[in-house]
């Protein structure tokens, strides 16, 4: 999965997106980045994932926020149709109300 994701060049594209942002959007993104990094600095211990991996978190960067959106897009591209199969099973078991819920 990692090799497949790397072929898209998301980090390079995210950096280009950040560079092209209008000033007011960049200001909002920079404020978000500052908040994430302030929260990270305020932690008493590293998040458990970092403890398991024996590494430390690095400061959040503006392109990291864009990368999160790309990761969500990538995750939602379900080539196995698992999501649709789940919806069909839910609809069969609970009807339209179950799907709507």
PDB file of N, CA and C in Angstrom:
ATOM      1  N   UNK A   1       0.834  -1.190   0.000  1.00  0.00           N
ATOM      2  CA  UNK A   1       0.000   0.000   0.000  1.00  0.00           C
ATOM      3  C   UNK A   1       0.875   1.250   0.000  1.00  0.00           C
ATOM      4  N   UNK A   2       1.957   1.199   0.797  1.00  0.00           N
ATOM      5  CA  UNK A   2       2.852   2.346   0.867  1.00  0.00           C
ATOM      6  C   UNK A   2       3.474   2.633  -0.497  1.00  0.00           C
ATOM      7  N   UNK A   3       3.938   1.584  -1.179  1.00  0.00           N
ATOM      8  CA  UNK A   3       4.540   1.775  -2.504  1.00  0.00           C
ATOM      9  C   UNK A   3       3.526   2.374  -3.474  1.00  0.00           C
ATOM     10  N   UNK A   4       2.299   1.896  -3.415  1.00  0.00           N
ATOM     11  CA  UNK A   4       1.261   2.406  -4.312  1.00  0.00           C
ATOM     12  C   UNK A   4       0.973   3.882  -4.009  1.00  0.00           C
ATOM     13  N   UNK A   5       0.901   4.219  -2.733  1.00  0.00           N
ATOM     14  CA  UNK A   5       0.609   5.602  -2.360  1.00  0.00           C
ATOM     15  C   UNK A   5       1.734   6.534  -2.789  1.00  0.00           C
ATOM     16  N   UNK A   6       2.957   6.074  -2.685  1.00  0.00           N
ATOM     17  CA  UNK A   6       4.102   6.920  -3.041  1.00  0.00           C
ATOM     18  C   UNK A   6       4.124   7.278  -4.525  1.00  0.00           C
ATOM     19  N   UNK A   7       3.553   6.432  -5.370  1.00  0.00           N
ATOM     20  CA  UNK A   7       3.559   6.728  -6.800  1.00  0.00           C
ATOM     21  C   UNK A   7       2.741   7.973  -7.134  1.00  0.00           C
ATOM     22  N   UNK A   8       1.833   8.360  -6.240  1.00  0.00           N
ATOM     23  CA  UNK A   8       0.990   9.531  -6.481  1.00  0.00           C
ATOM     24  C   UNK A   8       1.716  10.846  -6.207  1.00  0.00           C
ATOM     25  N   UNK A   9       2.814  10.803  -5.460  1.00  0.00           N
ATOM     26  CA  UNK A   9       3.548  12.038  -5.153  1.00  0.00           C
ATOM     27  C   UNK A   9       2.741  13.009  -4.328  1.00  0.00           C
ATOM     28  N   UNK A  10       1.975  12.497  -3.367  1.00  0.00           N
ATOM     29  CA  UNK A  10       1.097  13.353  -2.575  1.00  0.00           C
ATOM     30  C   UNK A  10       1.850  14.448  -1.818  1.00  0.00           C
ATOM     31  N   UNK A  11       3.022  14.144  -1.261  1.00  0.00           N
ATOM     32  CA  UNK A  11       3.751  15.165  -0.501  1.00  0.00           C
ATOM     33  C   UNK A  11       4.152  16.315  -1.417  1.00  0.00           C
ATOM     34  N   UNK A  12       4.635  16.013  -2.594  1.00  0.00           N
ATOM     35  CA  UNK A  12       5.019  17.050  -3.559  1.00  0.00           C
ATOM     36  C   UNK A  12       3.790  17.874  -3.959  1.00  0.00           C
ATOM     37  N   UNK A  13       2.685  17.187  -4.208  1.00  0.00           N
ATOM     38  CA  UNK A  13       1.455  17.878  -4.591  1.00  0.00           C
ATOM     39  C   UNK A  13       0.928  18.729  -3.445  1.00  0.00           C
ATOM     40  N   UNK A  14       0.996  18.206  -2.231  1.00  0.00           N
ATOM     41  CA  UNK A  14       0.532  18.966  -1.058  1.00  0.00           C
ATOM     42  C   UNK A  14       1.353  20.236  -0.880  1.00  0.00           C
ATOM     43  N   UNK A  15       2.662  20.149  -1.084  1.00  0.00           N
ATOM     44  CA  UNK A  15       3.515  21.340  -0.974  1.00  0.00           C
ATOM     45  C   UNK A  15       3.124  22.375  -2.019  1.00  0.00           C
ATOM     46  N   UNK A  16       2.780  21.920  -3.214  1.00  0.00           N
ATOM     47  CA  UNK A  16       2.349  22.842  -4.270  1.00  0.00           C
ATOM     48  C   UNK A  16       1.007  23.487  -3.923  1.00  0.00           C
ATOM     49  N   UNK A  17       0.111  22.715  -3.326  1.00  0.00           N
ATOM     50  CA  UNK A  17      -1.189  23.252  -2.911  1.00  0.00           C
ATOM     51  C   UNK A  17      -0.984  24.341  -1.863  1.00  0.00           C
ATOM     52  N   UNK A  18      -0.147  24.062  -0.881  1.00  0.00           N
ATOM     53  CA  UNK A  18       0.114  25.046   0.177  1.00  0.00           C
ATOM     54  C   UNK A  18       0.727  26.309  -0.425  1.00  0.00           C
ATOM     55  N   UNK A  19       1.670  26.156  -1.335  1.00  0.00           N
ATOM     56  CA  UNK A  19       2.319  27.312  -1.950  1.00  0.00           C
ATOM     57  C   UNK A  19       1.339  28.166  -2.748  1.00  0.00           C
ATOM     58  N   UNK A  20       0.294  27.555  -3.282  1.00  0.00           N
ATOM     59  CA  UNK A  20      -0.670  28.274  -4.119  1.00  0.00           C
ATOM     60  C   UNK A  20      -1.861  28.825  -3.347  1.00  0.00           C
ATOM     61  N   UNK A  21      -1.908  28.601  -2.050  1.00  0.00           N
ATOM     62  CA  UNK A  21      -3.057  29.069  -1.275  1.00  0.00           C
ATOM     63  C   UNK A  21      -3.130  30.592  -1.237  1.00  0.00           C
ATOM     64  N   UNK A  22      -4.339  31.132  -1.303  1.00  0.00           N
ATOM     65  CA  UNK A  22      -4.495  32.573  -1.086  1.00  0.00           C
ATOM     66  C   UNK A  22      -4.050  32.926   0.337  1.00  0.00           C
ATOM     67  N   UNK A  23      -3.635  34.147   0.541  1.00  0.00           N
ATOM     68  CA  UNK A  23      -3.076  34.578   1.836  1.00  0.00           C
ATOM     69  C   UNK A  23      -4.024  34.292   3.005  1.00  0.00           C
ATOM     70  N   UNK A  24      -5.310  34.531   2.811  1.00  0.00           N
ATOM     71  CA  UNK A  24      -6.246  34.322   3.931  1.00  0.00           C
ATOM     72  C   UNK A  24      -6.380  32.839   4.272  1.00  0.00           C
ATOM     73  N   UNK A  25      -6.323  31.969   3.287  1.00  0.00           N
ATOM     74  CA  UNK A  25      -6.379  30.528   3.552  1.00  0.00           C
ATOM     75  C   UNK A  25      -5.087  30.054   4.200  1.00  0.00           C
ATOM     76  N   UNK A  26      -3.970  30.593   3.737  1.00  0.00           N
ATOM     77  CA  UNK A  26      -2.681  30.219   4.315  1.00  0.00           C
ATOM     78  C   UNK A  26      -2.609  30.654   5.778  1.00  0.00           C
ATOM     79  N   UNK A  27      -3.176  31.816   6.096  1.00  0.00           N
ATOM     80  CA  UNK A  27      -3.183  32.279   7.489  1.00  0.00           C
ATOM     81  C   UNK A  27      -3.972  31.319   8.369  1.00  0.00           C
ATOM     82  N   UNK A  28      -5.107  30.837   7.877  1.00  0.00           N
ATOM     83  CA  UNK A  28      -5.898  29.861   8.631  1.00  0.00           C
ATOM     84  C   UNK A  28      -5.133  28.556   8.817  1.00  0.00           C
ATOM     85  N   UNK A  29      -4.500  28.103   7.770  1.00  0.00           N
ATOM     86  CA  UNK A  29      -3.726  26.874   7.843  1.00  0.00           C
ATOM     87  C   UNK A  29      -2.555  27.033   8.801  1.00  0.00           C
ATOM     88  N   UNK A  30      -1.867  28.160   8.749  1.00  0.00           N
ATOM     89  CA  UNK A  30      -0.747  28.403   9.662  1.00  0.00           C
ATOM     90  C   UNK A  30      -1.214  28.448  11.115  1.00  0.00           C
ATOM     91  N   UNK A  31      -2.386  29.006  11.360  1.00  0.00           N
ATOM     92  CA  UNK A  31      -2.935  29.022  12.722  1.00  0.00           C
ATOM     93  C   UNK A  31      -3.243  27.605  13.195  1.00  0.00           C
ATOM     94  N   UNK A  32      -3.776  26.787  12.308  1.00  0.00           N
ATOM     95  CA  UNK A  32      -4.054  25.388  12.643  1.00  0.00           C
ATOM     96  C   UNK A  32      -2.757  24.653  12.964  1.00  0.00           C
ATOM     97  N   UNK A  33      -1.743  24.850  12.139  1.00  0.00           N
ATOM     98  CA  UNK A  33      -0.441  24.213  12.344  1.00  0.00           C
ATOM     99  C   UNK A  33       0.131  24.632  13.703  1.00  0.00           C
ATOM    100  N   UNK A  34       0.039  25.903  14.022  1.00  0.00           N
ATOM    101  CA  UNK A  34       0.541  26.387  15.314  1.00  0.00           C
ATOM    102  C   UNK A  34      -0.210  25.722  16.467  1.00  0.00           C
ATOM    103  N   UNK A  35      -1.510  25.540  16.310  1.00  0.00           N
ATOM    104  CA  UNK A  35      -2.299  24.876  17.353  1.00  0.00           C
ATOM    105  C   UNK A  35      -1.928  23.421  17.522  1.00  0.00           C
ATOM    106  N   UNK A  36      -1.736  22.721  16.420  1.00  0.00           N
ATOM    107  CA  UNK A  36      -1.334  21.313  16.487  1.00  0.00           C
ATOM    108  C   UNK A  36       0.017  21.197  17.190  1.00  0.00           C
ATOM    109  N   UNK A  37       0.950  22.047  16.810  1.00  0.00           N
ATOM    110  CA  UNK A  37       2.280  21.975  17.412  1.00  0.00           C
ATOM    111  C   UNK A  37       2.264  22.390  18.881  1.00  0.00           C
ATOM    112  N   UNK A  38       1.410  23.344  19.248  1.00  0.00           N
ATOM    113  CA  UNK A  38       1.274  23.714  20.661  1.00  0.00           C
ATOM    114  C   UNK A  38       0.710  22.543  21.453  1.00  0.00           C
ATOM    115  N   UNK A  39      -0.270  21.855  20.892  1.00  0.00           N
ATOM    116  CA  UNK A  39      -0.826  20.676  21.559  1.00  0.00           C
ATOM    117  C   UNK A  39       0.202  19.573  21.690  1.00  0.00           C
ATOM    118  N   UNK A  40       0.983  19.379  20.670  1.00  0.00           N
ATOM    119  CA  UNK A  40       2.038  18.367  20.696  1.00  0.00           C
ATOM    120  C   UNK A  40       3.080  18.698  21.761  1.00  0.00           C
ATOM    121  N   UNK A  41       3.439  19.974  21.852  1.00  0.00           N
ATOM    122  CA  UNK A  41       4.430  20.399  22.837  1.00  0.00           C
ATOM    123  C   UNK A  41       3.895  20.273  24.263  1.00  0.00           C
ATOM    124  N   UNK A  42       2.583  20.348  24.425  1.00  0.00           N
ATOM    125  CA  UNK A  42       1.982  20.289  25.766  1.00  0.00           C
ATOM    126  C   UNK A  42       1.784  18.864  26.277  1.00  0.00           C
ATOM    127  N   UNK A  43       1.990  17.868  25.443  1.00  0.00           N
ATOM    128  CA  UNK A  43       1.795  16.485  25.877  1.00  0.00           C
ATOM    129  C   UNK A  43       2.820  16.106  26.942  1.00  0.00           C
ATOM    130  N   UNK A  44       2.367  15.380  27.950  1.00  0.00           N
ATOM    131  CA  UNK A  44       3.290  14.903  28.989  1.00  0.00           C
ATOM    132  C   UNK A  44       4.108  13.719  28.503  1.00  0.00           C
ATOM    133  N   UNK A  45       3.488  12.875  27.692  1.00  0.00           N
ATOM    134  CA  UNK A  45       4.190  11.726  27.115  1.00  0.00           C
ATOM    135  C   UNK A  45       3.857  11.655  25.638  1.00  0.00           C
ATOM    136  N   UNK A  46       4.690  10.957  24.914  1.00  0.00           N
ATOM    137  CA  UNK A  46       4.434  10.766  23.488  1.00  0.00           C
ATOM    138  C   UNK A  46       3.188   9.898  23.306  1.00  0.00           C
ATOM    139  N   UNK A  47       2.452  10.107  22.222  1.00  0.00           N
ATOM    140  CA  UNK A  47       1.330   9.213  21.910  1.00  0.00           C
ATOM    141  C   UNK A  47       1.834   7.774  21.804  1.00  0.00           C
ATOM    142  N   UNK A  48       0.967   6.829  22.140  1.00  0.00           N
ATOM    143  CA  UNK A  48       1.381   5.423  22.251  1.00  0.00           C
ATOM    144  C   UNK A  48       1.992   4.886  20.964  1.00  0.00           C
ATOM    145  N   UNK A  49       1.506   5.364  19.795  1.00  0.00           N
ATOM    146  CA  UNK A  49       2.073   4.882  18.537  1.00  0.00           C
ATOM    147  C   UNK A  49       3.574   5.184  18.456  1.00  0.00           C
ATOM    148  N   UNK A  50       3.950   6.336  18.957  1.00  0.00           N
ATOM    149  CA  UNK A  50       5.367   6.719  18.932  1.00  0.00           C
ATOM    150  C   UNK A  50       6.171   5.923  19.960  1.00  0.00           C
ATOM    151  N   UNK A  51       5.543   5.615  21.073  1.00  0.00           N
ATOM    152  CA  UNK A  51       6.223   4.777  22.062  1.00  0.00           C
ATOM    153  C   UNK A  51       6.496   3.387  21.492  1.00  0.00           C
ATOM    154  N   UNK A  52       5.505   2.819  20.819  1.00  0.00           N
ATOM    155  CA  UNK A  52       5.662   1.492  20.220  1.00  0.00           C
ATOM    156  C   UNK A  52       6.749   1.511  19.142  1.00  0.00           C
ATOM    157  N   UNK A  53       6.769   2.559  18.345  1.00  0.00           N
ATOM    158  CA  UNK A  53       7.737   2.662  17.252  1.00  0.00           C
ATOM    159  C   UNK A  53       9.103   3.193  17.713  1.00  0.00           C
ATOM    160  N   UNK A  54       9.167   3.574  18.991  1.00  0.00           N
ATOM    161  CA  UNK A  54      10.410   4.110  19.577  1.00  0.00           C
ATOM    162  C   UNK A  54      10.942   5.302  18.788  1.00  0.00           C
ATOM    163  N   UNK A  55      10.053   6.234  18.542  1.00  0.00           N
ATOM    164  CA  UNK A  55      10.422   7.446  17.822  1.00  0.00           C
ATOM    165  C   UNK A  55       9.678   8.625  18.440  1.00  0.00           C
ATOM    166  N   UNK A  56      10.037   9.792  18.049  1.00  0.00           N
ATOM    167  CA  UNK A  56       9.376  11.006  18.557  1.00  0.00           C
ATOM    168  C   UNK A  56       8.609  11.671  17.417  1.00  0.00           C
ATOM    169  N   UNK A  57       7.467  12.291  17.744  1.00  0.00           N
ATOM    170  CA  UNK A  57       6.740  13.014  16.703  1.00  0.00           C
ATOM    171  C   UNK A  57       7.565  14.218  16.218  1.00  0.00           C
ATOM    172  N   UNK A  58       7.405  14.539  14.957  1.00  0.00           N
ATOM    173  CA  UNK A  58       8.047  15.732  14.402  1.00  0.00           C
ATOM    174  C   UNK A  58       7.000  16.844  14.339  1.00  0.00           C
ATOM    175  N   UNK A  59       7.419  18.085  14.316  1.00  0.00           N
ATOM    176  CA  UNK A  59       6.436  19.175  14.236  1.00  0.00           C
ATOM    177  C   UNK A  59       5.551  19.039  13.002  1.00  0.00           C
ATOM    178  N   UNK A  60       4.287  19.410  13.176  1.00  0.00           N
ATOM    179  CA  UNK A  60       3.302  19.397  12.102  1.00  0.00           C
ATOM    180  C   UNK A  60       3.657  20.499  11.116  1.00  0.00           C
ATOM    181  N   UNK A  61       3.504  20.215   9.839  1.00  0.00           N
ATOM    182  CA  UNK A  61       3.774  21.191   8.785  1.00  0.00           C
ATOM    183  C   UNK A  61       2.489  21.478   8.025  1.00  0.00           C
ATOM    184  N   UNK A  62       2.407  22.621   7.367  1.00  0.00           N
ATOM    185  CA  UNK A  62       1.175  22.943   6.632  1.00  0.00           C
ATOM    186  C   UNK A  62       0.770  21.860   5.640  1.00  0.00           C
ATOM    187  N   UNK A  63       1.741  21.277   4.933  1.00  0.00           N
ATOM    188  CA  UNK A  63       1.378  20.259   3.944  1.00  0.00           C
ATOM    189  C   UNK A  63       0.844  18.984   4.593  1.00  0.00           C
ATOM    190  N   UNK A  64       1.126  18.786   5.883  1.00  0.00           N
ATOM    191  CA  UNK A  64       0.594  17.611   6.569  1.00  0.00           C
ATOM    192  C   UNK A  64      -0.934  17.641   6.614  1.00  0.00           C
ATOM    193  N   UNK A  65      -1.499  18.828   6.751  1.00  0.00           N
ATOM    194  CA  UNK A  65      -2.964  18.940   6.750  1.00  0.00           C
ATOM    195  C   UNK A  65      -3.541  18.553   5.395  1.00  0.00           C
ATOM    196  N   UNK A  66      -2.884  18.973   4.332  1.00  0.00           N
ATOM    197  CA  UNK A  66      -3.319  18.604   2.988  1.00  0.00           C
ATOM    198  C   UNK A  66      -3.153  17.096   2.788  1.00  0.00           C
ATOM    199  N   UNK A  67      -2.057  16.555   3.317  1.00  0.00           N
ATOM    200  CA  UNK A  67      -1.822  15.110   3.203  1.00  0.00           C
ATOM    201  C   UNK A  67      -2.914  14.308   3.903  1.00  0.00           C
ATOM    202  N   UNK A  68      -3.460  14.840   4.985  1.00  0.00           N
ATOM    203  CA  UNK A  68      -4.578  14.146   5.652  1.00  0.00           C
ATOM    204  C   UNK A  68      -5.779  14.038   4.716  1.00  0.00           C
ATOM    205  N   UNK A  69      -6.064  15.105   3.997  1.00  0.00           N
ATOM    206  CA  UNK A  69      -7.174  15.057   3.038  1.00  0.00           C
ATOM    207  C   UNK A  69      -6.873  14.055   1.929  1.00  0.00           C
ATOM    208  N   UNK A  70      -5.639  14.020   1.465  1.00  0.00           N
ATOM    209  CA  UNK A  70      -5.262  13.044   0.441  1.00  0.00           C
ATOM    210  C   UNK A  70      -5.375  11.619   0.976  1.00  0.00           C
ATOM    211  N   UNK A  71      -4.976  11.422   2.217  1.00  0.00           N
ATOM    212  CA  UNK A  71      -5.072  10.085   2.816  1.00  0.00           C
ATOM    213  C   UNK A  71      -6.530   9.643   2.901  1.00  0.00           C
ATOM    214  N   UNK A  72      -7.413  10.566   3.252  1.00  0.00           N
ATOM    215  CA  UNK A  72      -8.837  10.224   3.302  1.00  0.00           C
ATOM    216  C   UNK A  72      -9.336   9.869   1.908  1.00  0.00           C
ATOM    217  N   UNK A  73      -8.943  10.641   0.904  1.00  0.00           N
ATOM    218  CA  UNK A  73      -9.342  10.333  -0.469  1.00  0.00           C
ATOM    219  C   UNK A  73      -8.849   8.947  -0.854  1.00  0.00           C
ATOM    220  N   UNK A  74      -7.581   8.687  -0.556  1.00  0.00           N
ATOM    221  CA  UNK A  74      -6.973   7.417  -0.923  1.00  0.00           C
ATOM    222  C   UNK A  74      -7.694   6.259  -0.231  1.00  0.00           C
ATOM    223  N   UNK A  75      -8.033   6.438   1.030  1.00  0.00           N
ATOM    224  CA  UNK A  75      -8.710   5.390   1.801  1.00  0.00           C
ATOM    225  C   UNK A  75     -10.117   5.139   1.262  1.00  0.00           C
ATOM    226  N   UNK A  76     -10.759   6.178   0.791  1.00  0.00           N
ATOM    227  CA  UNK A  76     -12.139   6.040   0.311  1.00  0.00           C
ATOM    228  C   UNK A  76     -12.229   5.470  -1.101  1.00  0.00           C
ATOM    229  N   UNK A  77     -11.110   5.344  -1.779  1.00  0.00           N
ATOM    230  CA  UNK A  77     -11.099   4.739  -3.102  1.00  0.00           C
ATOM    231  C   UNK A  77     -11.043   3.224  -2.923  1.00  0.00           C
ATOM    232  N   UNK A  78     -12.197   2.629  -2.791  1.00  0.00           N
ATOM    233  CA  UNK A  78     -12.310   1.223  -2.436  1.00  0.00           C
ATOM    234  C   UNK A  78     -12.450   0.360  -3.684  1.00  0.00           C
ATOM    235  N   UNK A  79     -11.342  -0.165  -4.155  1.00  0.00           N
ATOM    236  CA  UNK A  79     -11.374  -0.966  -5.379  1.00  0.00           C
ATOM    237  C   UNK A  79     -12.022  -2.330  -5.177  1.00  0.00           C
ATOM    238  N   UNK A  80     -12.227  -2.728  -3.929  1.00  0.00           N
ATOM    239  CA  UNK A  80     -12.844  -4.025  -3.654  1.00  0.00           C
ATOM    240  C   UNK A  80     -14.357  -3.920  -3.476  1.00  0.00           C
ATOM    241  N   UNK A  81     -14.876  -2.700  -3.468  1.00  0.00           N
ATOM    242  CA  UNK A  81     -16.308  -2.441  -3.263  1.00  0.00           C
ATOM    243  C   UNK A  81     -16.791  -2.927  -1.903  1.00  0.00           C
ATOM    244  N   UNK A  82     -15.877  -3.012  -0.944  1.00  0.00           N
ATOM    245  CA  UNK A  82     -16.245  -3.470   0.399  1.00  0.00           C
ATOM    246  C   UNK A  82     -17.306  -2.558   1.015  1.00  0.00           C
ATOM    247  N   UNK A  83     -17.165  -1.248   0.820  1.00  0.00           N
ATOM    248  CA  UNK A  83     -18.130  -0.312   1.384  1.00  0.00           C
ATOM    249  C   UNK A  83     -19.526  -0.560   0.814  1.00  0.00           C
ATOM    250  N   UNK A  84     -19.602  -0.693  -0.500  1.00  0.00           N
ATOM    251  CA  UNK A  84     -20.894  -0.935  -1.130  1.00  0.00           C
ATOM    252  C   UNK A  84     -21.493  -2.265  -0.687  1.00  0.00           C
ATOM    253  N   UNK A  85     -20.637  -3.285  -0.519  1.00  0.00           N
ATOM    254  CA  UNK A  85     -21.123  -4.579  -0.042  1.00  0.00           C
ATOM    255  C   UNK A  85     -21.657  -4.461   1.382  1.00  0.00           C
ATOM    256  N   UNK A  86     -20.990  -3.668   2.197  1.00  0.00           N
ATOM    257  CA  UNK A  86     -21.453  -3.455   3.572  1.00  0.00           C
ATOM    258  C   UNK A  86     -22.801  -2.753   3.583  1.00  0.00           C
ATOM    259  N   UNK A  87     -22.952  -1.750   2.720  1.00  0.00           N
ATOM    260  CA  UNK A  87     -24.238  -1.060   2.635  1.00  0.00           C
ATOM    261  C   UNK A  87     -25.347  -1.997   2.183  1.00  0.00           C
ATOM    262  N   UNK A  88     -25.065  -2.851   1.223  1.00  0.00           N
ATOM    263  CA  UNK A  88     -26.067  -3.804   0.743  1.00  0.00           C
ATOM    264  C   UNK A  88     -26.467  -4.768   1.855  1.00  0.00           C
ATOM    265  N   UNK A  89     -25.501  -5.237   2.629  1.00  0.00           N
ATOM    266  CA  UNK A  89     -25.800  -6.139   3.743  1.00  0.00           C
ATOM    267  C   UNK A  89     -26.619  -5.417   4.811  1.00  0.00           C
ATOM    268  N   UNK A  90     -26.266  -4.174   5.079  1.00  0.00           N
ATOM    269  CA  UNK A  90     -27.010  -3.382   6.056  1.00  0.00           C
ATOM    270  C   UNK A  90     -28.438  -3.152   5.582  1.00  0.00           C
ATOM    271  N   UNK A  91     -28.598  -2.829   4.300  1.00  0.00           N
ATOM    272  CA  UNK A  91     -29.931  -2.606   3.735  1.00  0.00           C
ATOM    273  C   UNK A  91     -30.751  -3.897   3.802  1.00  0.00           C
ATOM    274  N   UNK A  92     -30.139  -5.046   3.512  1.00  0.00           N
ATOM    275  CA  UNK A  92     -30.857  -6.314   3.556  1.00  0.00           C
ATOM    276  C   UNK A  92     -31.291  -6.648   4.977  1.00  0.00           C
ATOM    277  N   UNK A  93     -30.444  -6.340   5.951  1.00  0.00           N
ATOM    278  CA  UNK A  93     -30.756  -6.682   7.338  1.00  0.00           C
ATOM    279  C   UNK A  93     -31.681  -5.687   8.014  1.00  0.00           C
ATOM    280  N   UNK A  94     -31.536  -4.392   7.679  1.00  0.00           N
ATOM    281  CA  UNK A  94     -32.260  -3.352   8.431  1.00  0.00           C
ATOM    282  C   UNK A  94     -33.030  -2.376   7.583  1.00  0.00           C
ATOM    283  N   UNK A  95     -33.052  -2.589   6.283  1.00  0.00           N
ATOM    284  CA  UNK A  95     -33.805  -1.706   5.410  1.00  0.00           C
ATOM    285  C   UNK A  95     -33.143  -0.348   5.238  1.00  0.00           C
ATOM    286  N   UNK A  96     -33.866   0.524   4.565  1.00  0.00           N
ATOM    287  CA  UNK A  96     -33.364   1.858   4.269  1.00  0.00           C
ATOM    288  C   UNK A  96     -33.084   2.650   5.556  1.00  0.00           C
ATOM    289  N   UNK A  97     -33.885   2.412   6.592  1.00  0.00           N
ATOM    290  CA  UNK A  97     -33.666   3.119   7.857  1.00  0.00           C
ATOM    291  C   UNK A  97     -32.312   2.774   8.461  1.00  0.00           C
ATOM    292  N   UNK A  98     -31.895   1.541   8.332  1.00  0.00           N
ATOM    293  CA  UNK A  98     -30.585   1.134   8.833  1.00  0.00           C
ATOM    294  C   UNK A  98     -29.470   1.803   8.081  1.00  0.00           C
ATOM    295  N   UNK A  99     -29.599   1.910   6.788  1.00  0.00           N
ATOM    296  CA  UNK A  99     -28.586   2.565   5.967  1.00  0.00           C
ATOM    297  C   UNK A  99     -28.541   4.054   6.290  1.00  0.00           C
ATOM    298  N   UNK A 100     -29.733   4.663   6.412  1.00  0.00           N
ATOM    299  CA  UNK A 100     -29.795   6.092   6.717  1.00  0.00           C
ATOM    300  C   UNK A 100     -29.171   6.384   8.066  1.00  0.00           C
ATOM    301  N   UNK A 101     -29.406   5.484   9.034  1.00  0.00           N
ATOM    302  CA  UNK A 101     -28.816   5.682  10.358  1.00  0.00           C
ATOM    303  C   UNK A 101     -27.316   5.650  10.284  1.00  0.00           C
TER     304      UNK A 101
END
